Amino acid sequence: MAVSLISFALIAPITGAQRSLISARNSRDQMTAYFLAEEGLEYVHYVRDLNAIENPNDTDKWLKGLNDCIPTPGNSSKACGVDPTASGNQIINCQNISNCLLYFKNGIYSHQHGVGSGFSPTIFTRSVTIIEDDNVHKPNERRVKATVSWKNNYAQTQKVELTGYITNWKEQVNLN
């Protein structure tokens, strides 16, 4: 009986500590995923604004460079990866979700990696989809969905999805 009590007294705190560590790790991963999804949304806003600046007289090019993010009638699952840190192509086709795996180095998450780059694969994938909202048929408005997914300690897929809206503000404001 005494051995059982001593064993329980030793095992209970260790089990509690283990559960706390797992919970803390899951919370960290969820927070990281949230910020990565937010970065995806913000990058789409950045590209939209850059298009307005670079094409001052052409309001039809507000989604220029984001074609890989826009589903087509024949490909409704089309999505892209956005990589604000990349020096080259910052839009990655995510037809194969493994293309959108994020890599990490020195506090930076990136889709770009290469032999000798020093980037290590992470548990996170990020994809962005820009769609015309079914409920709002406005030619100058799109819904943007950023999804970050990962597998937790139990190999269960987790995901954070953030949704926002972008508008062709230049067309609406007519800054010309």
C-alpha atoms as a PDB file:
ATOM      1  CA  MET A   1       0.000   0.000   0.000  1.00  0.00           C
ATOM      2  CA  ALA A   2       2.790   2.433   0.914  1.00  0.00           C
ATOM      3  CA  VAL A   3       4.590   1.704  -2.359  1.00  0.00           C
ATOM      4  CA  SER A   4       1.406   2.545  -4.290  1.00  0.00           C
ATOM      5  CA  LEU A   5       1.036   5.855  -2.509  1.00  0.00           C
ATOM      6  CA  ILE A   6       4.673   6.783  -3.092  1.00  0.00           C
ATOM      7  CA  SER A   7       4.410   5.799  -6.779  1.00  0.00           C
ATOM      8  CA  PHE A   8       1.260   7.884  -7.197  1.00  0.00           C
ATOM      9  CA  ALA A   9       2.868  10.832  -5.419  1.00  0.00           C
ATOM     10  CA  LEU A  10       5.792  10.699  -7.861  1.00  0.00           C
ATOM     11  CA  ILE A  11       3.882   9.970 -11.073  1.00  0.00           C
ATOM     12  CA  ALA A  12       1.030  12.485 -10.658  1.00  0.00           C
ATOM     13  CA  PRO A  13       3.219  15.632 -10.775  1.00  0.00           C
ATOM     14  CA  ILE A  14       5.238  14.268 -13.712  1.00  0.00           C
ATOM     15  CA  THR A  15       2.046  13.532 -15.668  1.00  0.00           C
ATOM     16  CA  GLY A  16       0.713  16.999 -14.854  1.00  0.00           C
ATOM     17  CA  ALA A  17       3.945  18.606 -15.997  1.00  0.00           C
ATOM     18  CA  GLN A  18       3.911  16.603 -19.224  1.00  0.00           C
ATOM     19  CA  ARG A  19       0.340  17.674 -20.005  1.00  0.00           C
ATOM     20  CA  SER A  20       1.240  21.295 -19.273  1.00  0.00           C
ATOM     21  CA  LEU A  21       4.173  21.122 -21.682  1.00  0.00           C
ATOM     22  CA  ILE A  22       2.009  19.617 -24.424  1.00  0.00           C
ATOM     23  CA  SER A  23      -0.646  22.278 -23.858  1.00  0.00           C
ATOM     24  CA  ALA A  24       1.981  25.037 -23.985  1.00  0.00           C
ATOM     25  CA  ARG A  25       3.430  23.617 -27.223  1.00  0.00           C
ATOM     26  CA  ASN A  26      -0.030  23.420 -28.808  1.00  0.00           C
ATOM     27  CA  SER A  27      -0.747  27.019 -27.767  1.00  0.00           C
ATOM     28  CA  ARG A  28       2.578  28.160 -29.234  1.00  0.00           C
ATOM     29  CA  ASP A  29       1.843  26.387 -32.516  1.00  0.00           C
ATOM     30  CA  GLN A  30      -1.651  27.859 -32.702  1.00  0.00           C
ATOM     31  CA  MET A  31      -0.353  31.374 -32.065  1.00  0.00           C
ATOM     32  CA  THR A  32       2.383  30.943 -34.676  1.00  0.00           C
ATOM     33  CA  ALA A  33      -0.187  29.694 -37.183  1.00  0.00           C
ATOM     34  CA  TYR A  34      -2.418  32.702 -36.488  1.00  0.00           C
ATOM     35  CA  PHE A  35       0.421  35.151 -37.161  1.00  0.00           C
ATOM     36  CA  LEU A  36       1.472  33.290 -40.313  1.00  0.00           C
ATOM     37  CA  ALA A  37      -2.118  33.425 -41.618  1.00  0.00           C
ATOM     38  CA  GLU A  38      -2.300  37.144 -40.796  1.00  0.00           C
ATOM     39  CA  GLU A  39       0.942  37.691 -42.710  1.00  0.00           C
ATOM     40  CA  GLY A  40      -0.642  35.961 -45.729  1.00  0.00           C
ATOM     41  CA  LEU A  41      -3.637  38.311 -45.665  1.00  0.00           C
ATOM     42  CA  GLU A  42      -1.439  41.369 -45.240  1.00  0.00           C
ATOM     43  CA  TYR A  43       0.749  40.380 -48.175  1.00  0.00           C
ATOM     44  CA  VAL A  44      -2.282  40.218 -50.483  1.00  0.00           C
ATOM     45  CA  HIS A  45      -3.216  43.743 -49.343  1.00  0.00           C
ATOM     46  CA  TYR A  46       0.347  44.836 -50.070  1.00  0.00           C
ATOM     47  CA  VAL A  47       0.269  43.433 -53.625  1.00  0.00           C
ATOM     48  CA  ARG A  48      -3.105  45.097 -54.281  1.00  0.00           C
ATOM     49  CA  ASP A  49      -1.733  48.475 -53.078  1.00  0.00           C
ATOM     50  CA  LEU A  50       1.492  48.046 -55.058  1.00  0.00           C
ATOM     51  CA  ASN A  51      -0.563  47.340 -58.200  1.00  0.00           C
ATOM     52  CA  ALA A  52      -2.468  50.598 -57.682  1.00  0.00           C
ATOM     53  CA  ILE A  53       0.799  52.541 -57.401  1.00  0.00           C
ATOM     54  CA  GLU A  54       2.569  50.832 -60.320  1.00  0.00           C
ATOM     55  CA  ASN A  55      -0.477  51.033 -62.633  1.00  0.00           C
ATOM     56  CA  PRO A  56      -1.900  54.484 -61.865  1.00  0.00           C
ATOM     57  CA  ASN A  57      -4.066  54.658 -64.996  1.00  0.00           C
ATOM     58  CA  ASP A  58      -5.178  51.021 -65.150  1.00  0.00           C
ATOM     59  CA  THR A  59      -7.666  49.981 -62.470  1.00  0.00           C
ATOM     60  CA  ASP A  60      -8.153  46.529 -64.052  1.00  0.00           C
ATOM     61  CA  LYS A  61      -4.755  45.328 -62.802  1.00  0.00           C
ATOM     62  CA  TRP A  62      -5.538  45.444 -59.094  1.00  0.00           C
ATOM     63  CA  LEU A  63      -5.064  41.651 -58.746  1.00  0.00           C
ATOM     64  CA  LYS A  64      -2.014  41.478 -61.038  1.00  0.00           C
ATOM     65  CA  GLY A  65       0.473  38.824 -59.898  1.00  0.00           C
ATOM     66  CA  LEU A  66      -2.090  36.974 -57.780  1.00  0.00           C
ATOM     67  CA  ASN A  67      -3.487  34.667 -60.512  1.00  0.00           C
ATOM     68  CA  ASP A  68      -2.210  31.538 -58.747  1.00  0.00           C
ATOM     69  CA  CYS A  69      -4.409  32.503 -55.771  1.00  0.00           C
ATOM     70  CA  ILE A  70      -7.657  32.802 -57.738  1.00  0.00           C
ATOM     71  CA  PRO A  71      -9.676  29.626 -58.396  1.00  0.00           C
ATOM     72  CA  THR A  72     -11.023  29.126 -61.897  1.00  0.00           C
ATOM     73  CA  PRO A  73     -14.223  27.338 -62.972  1.00  0.00           C
ATOM     74  CA  GLY A  74     -12.242  24.214 -63.807  1.00  0.00           C
ATOM     75  CA  ASN A  75     -10.027  24.399 -60.731  1.00  0.00           C
ATOM     76  CA  SER A  76     -12.001  25.473 -57.674  1.00  0.00           C
ATOM     77  CA  SER A  77      -9.307  24.319 -55.223  1.00  0.00           C
ATOM     78  CA  LYS A  78      -6.633  26.619 -56.636  1.00  0.00           C
ATOM     79  CA  ALA A  79      -4.538  28.346 -53.941  1.00  0.00           C
ATOM     80  CA  CYS A  80      -1.156  29.964 -53.623  1.00  0.00           C
ATOM     81  CA  GLY A  81       1.576  30.413 -51.103  1.00  0.00           C
ATOM     82  CA  VAL A  82       2.726  33.939 -50.391  1.00  0.00           C
ATOM     83  CA  ASP A  83       6.282  34.575 -49.334  1.00  0.00           C
ATOM     84  CA  PRO A  84       6.977  38.201 -48.358  1.00  0.00           C
ATOM     85  CA  THR A  85      10.569  37.334 -47.457  1.00  0.00           C
ATOM     86  CA  ALA A  86      11.537  35.852 -50.826  1.00  0.00           C
ATOM     87  CA  SER A  87      13.830  37.832 -53.063  1.00  0.00           C
ATOM     88  CA  GLY A  88      12.510  36.149 -56.201  1.00  0.00           C
ATOM     89  CA  ASN A  89       9.058  34.774 -56.885  1.00  0.00           C
ATOM     90  CA  GLN A  90       6.893  35.633 -53.895  1.00  0.00           C
ATOM     91  CA  ILE A  91       3.780  33.791 -55.126  1.00  0.00           C
ATOM     92  CA  ILE A  92       4.012  30.004 -55.127  1.00  0.00           C
ATOM     93  CA  ASN A  93       1.491  27.688 -56.771  1.00  0.00           C
ATOM     94  CA  CYS A  94      -0.015  25.446 -54.066  1.00  0.00           C
ATOM     95  CA  GLN A  95      -1.748  22.970 -56.347  1.00  0.00           C
ATOM     96  CA  ASN A  96       0.334  20.437 -54.438  1.00  0.00           C
ATOM     97  CA  ILE A  97       0.108  21.536 -50.783  1.00  0.00           C
ATOM     98  CA  SER A  98       3.641  20.277 -50.117  1.00  0.00           C
ATOM     99  CA  ASN A  99       4.803  23.208 -52.294  1.00  0.00           C
ATOM    100  CA  CYS A 100       3.472  25.472 -49.564  1.00  0.00           C
ATOM    101  CA  LEU A 101       5.443  23.995 -46.702  1.00  0.00           C
ATOM    102  CA  LEU A 102       7.098  26.751 -44.683  1.00  0.00           C
ATOM    103  CA  TYR A 103      10.783  26.690 -43.783  1.00  0.00           C
ATOM    104  CA  PHE A 104      12.412  28.500 -40.870  1.00  0.00           C
ATOM    105  CA  LYS A 105      15.744  30.243 -40.312  1.00  0.00           C
ATOM    106  CA  ASN A 106      16.766  33.020 -37.901  1.00  0.00           C
ATOM    107  CA  GLY A 107      13.201  33.996 -36.991  1.00  0.00           C
ATOM    108  CA  ILE A 108      11.982  34.024 -40.611  1.00  0.00           C
ATOM    109  CA  TYR A 109       9.394  31.713 -42.141  1.00  0.00           C
ATOM    110  CA  SER A 110       9.680  31.246 -45.895  1.00  0.00           C
ATOM    111  CA  HIS A 111       8.466  28.996 -48.718  1.00  0.00           C
ATOM    112  CA  GLN A 112      11.874  29.369 -50.351  1.00  0.00           C
ATOM    113  CA  HIS A 113      14.585  26.901 -49.543  1.00  0.00           C
ATOM    114  CA  GLY A 114      17.499  25.361 -51.266  1.00  0.00           C
ATOM    115  CA  VAL A 115      20.482  23.185 -50.685  1.00  0.00           C
ATOM    116  CA  GLY A 116      22.774  24.998 -48.300  1.00  0.00           C
ATOM    117  CA  SER A 117      20.238  27.759 -47.574  1.00  0.00           C
ATOM    118  CA  GLY A 118      20.137  26.938 -43.869  1.00  0.00           C
ATOM    119  CA  PHE A 119      16.333  26.880 -43.839  1.00  0.00           C
ATOM    120  CA  SER A 120      14.773  23.937 -41.976  1.00  0.00           C
ATOM    121  CA  PRO A 121      11.333  22.506 -42.768  1.00  0.00           C
ATOM    122  CA  THR A 122       8.618  23.339 -40.224  1.00  0.00           C
ATOM    123  CA  ILE A 123       5.320  21.679 -39.393  1.00  0.00           C
ATOM    124  CA  PHE A 124       3.364  24.527 -41.051  1.00  0.00           C
ATOM    125  CA  THR A 125       1.900  24.957 -44.536  1.00  0.00           C
ATOM    126  CA  ARG A 126       0.305  28.230 -45.634  1.00  0.00           C
ATOM    127  CA  SER A 127      -2.042  28.795 -48.560  1.00  0.00           C
ATOM    128  CA  VAL A 128      -4.083  31.781 -49.694  1.00  0.00           C
ATOM    129  CA  THR A 129      -7.212  31.824 -51.853  1.00  0.00           C
ATOM    130  CA  ILE A 130      -8.831  34.911 -53.384  1.00  0.00           C
ATOM    131  CA  ILE A 131     -12.436  34.356 -54.387  1.00  0.00           C
ATOM    132  CA  GLU A 132     -15.430  36.299 -55.520  1.00  0.00           C
ATOM    133  CA  ASP A 133     -17.885  36.062 -52.640  1.00  0.00           C
ATOM    134  CA  ASP A 134     -21.085  34.208 -53.628  1.00  0.00           C
ATOM    135  CA  ASN A 135     -23.164  36.495 -51.435  1.00  0.00           C
ATOM    136  CA  VAL A 136     -21.701  39.756 -52.704  1.00  0.00           C
ATOM    137  CA  HIS A 137     -21.458  40.091 -56.480  1.00  0.00           C
ATOM    138  CA  LYS A 138     -19.229  43.120 -56.622  1.00  0.00           C
ATOM    139  CA  PRO A 139     -16.590  43.229 -59.365  1.00  0.00           C
ATOM    140  CA  ASN A 140     -14.278  45.339 -57.186  1.00  0.00           C
ATOM    141  CA  GLU A 141     -14.375  43.164 -54.075  1.00  0.00           C
ATOM    142  CA  ARG A 142     -12.872  39.763 -53.241  1.00  0.00           C
ATOM    143  CA  ARG A 143     -12.760  37.539 -50.202  1.00  0.00           C
ATOM    144  CA  VAL A 144      -9.272  36.455 -49.149  1.00  0.00           C
ATOM    145  CA  LYS A 145      -8.799  33.297 -47.110  1.00  0.00           C
ATOM    146  CA  ALA A 146      -5.446  32.401 -45.541  1.00  0.00           C
ATOM    147  CA  THR A 147      -5.099  28.894 -44.147  1.00  0.00           C
ATOM    148  CA  VAL A 148      -2.211  27.611 -42.059  1.00  0.00           C
ATOM    149  CA  SER A 149      -2.255  23.936 -41.175  1.00  0.00           C
ATOM    150  CA  TRP A 150       0.022  21.655 -39.187  1.00  0.00           C
ATOM    151  CA  LYS A 151       0.038  18.297 -37.422  1.00  0.00           C
ATOM    152  CA  ASN A 152       0.076  18.336 -33.633  1.00  0.00           C
ATOM    153  CA  ASN A 153       1.819  15.870 -31.297  1.00  0.00           C
ATOM    154  CA  TYR A 154      -0.875  13.280 -31.931  1.00  0.00           C
ATOM    155  CA  ALA A 155      -0.582  13.546 -35.739  1.00  0.00           C
ATOM    156  CA  GLN A 156      -3.952  15.306 -35.878  1.00  0.00           C
ATOM    157  CA  THR A 157      -4.210  18.030 -38.503  1.00  0.00           C
ATOM    158  CA  GLN A 158      -4.886  21.439 -37.003  1.00  0.00           C
ATOM    159  CA  LYS A 159      -5.589  24.623 -38.921  1.00  0.00           C
ATOM    160  CA  VAL A 160      -6.143  28.314 -38.528  1.00  0.00           C
ATOM    161  CA  GLU A 161      -8.215  30.064 -41.199  1.00  0.00           C
ATOM    162  CA  LEU A 162      -8.487  33.822 -41.416  1.00  0.00           C
ATOM    163  CA  THR A 163     -10.805  35.558 -43.854  1.00  0.00           C
ATOM    164  CA  GLY A 164     -10.746  39.174 -44.938  1.00  0.00           C
ATOM    165  CA  TYR A 165     -11.915  41.286 -47.846  1.00  0.00           C
ATOM    166  CA  ILE A 166     -10.011  43.381 -50.339  1.00  0.00           C
ATOM    167  CA  THR A 167     -11.429  45.967 -52.650  1.00  0.00           C
ATOM    168  CA  ASN A 168     -10.208  47.711 -55.735  1.00  0.00           C
ATOM    169  CA  TRP A 169     -10.082  50.922 -53.756  1.00  0.00           C
ATOM    170  CA  LYS A 170      -8.546  52.827 -56.623  1.00  0.00           C
ATOM    171  CA  GLU A 171     -11.574  52.151 -58.820  1.00  0.00           C
ATOM    172  CA  GLN A 172     -13.902  53.146 -55.998  1.00  0.00           C
ATOM    173  CA  VAL A 173     -12.026  56.304 -55.034  1.00  0.00           C
ATOM    174  CA  ASN A 174     -10.890  57.125 -58.587  1.00  0.00           C
ATOM    175  CA  LEU A 175      -7.617  58.804 -57.667  1.00  0.00           C
ATOM    176  CA  ASN A 176      -6.758  59.747 -61.246  1.00  0.00           C
END
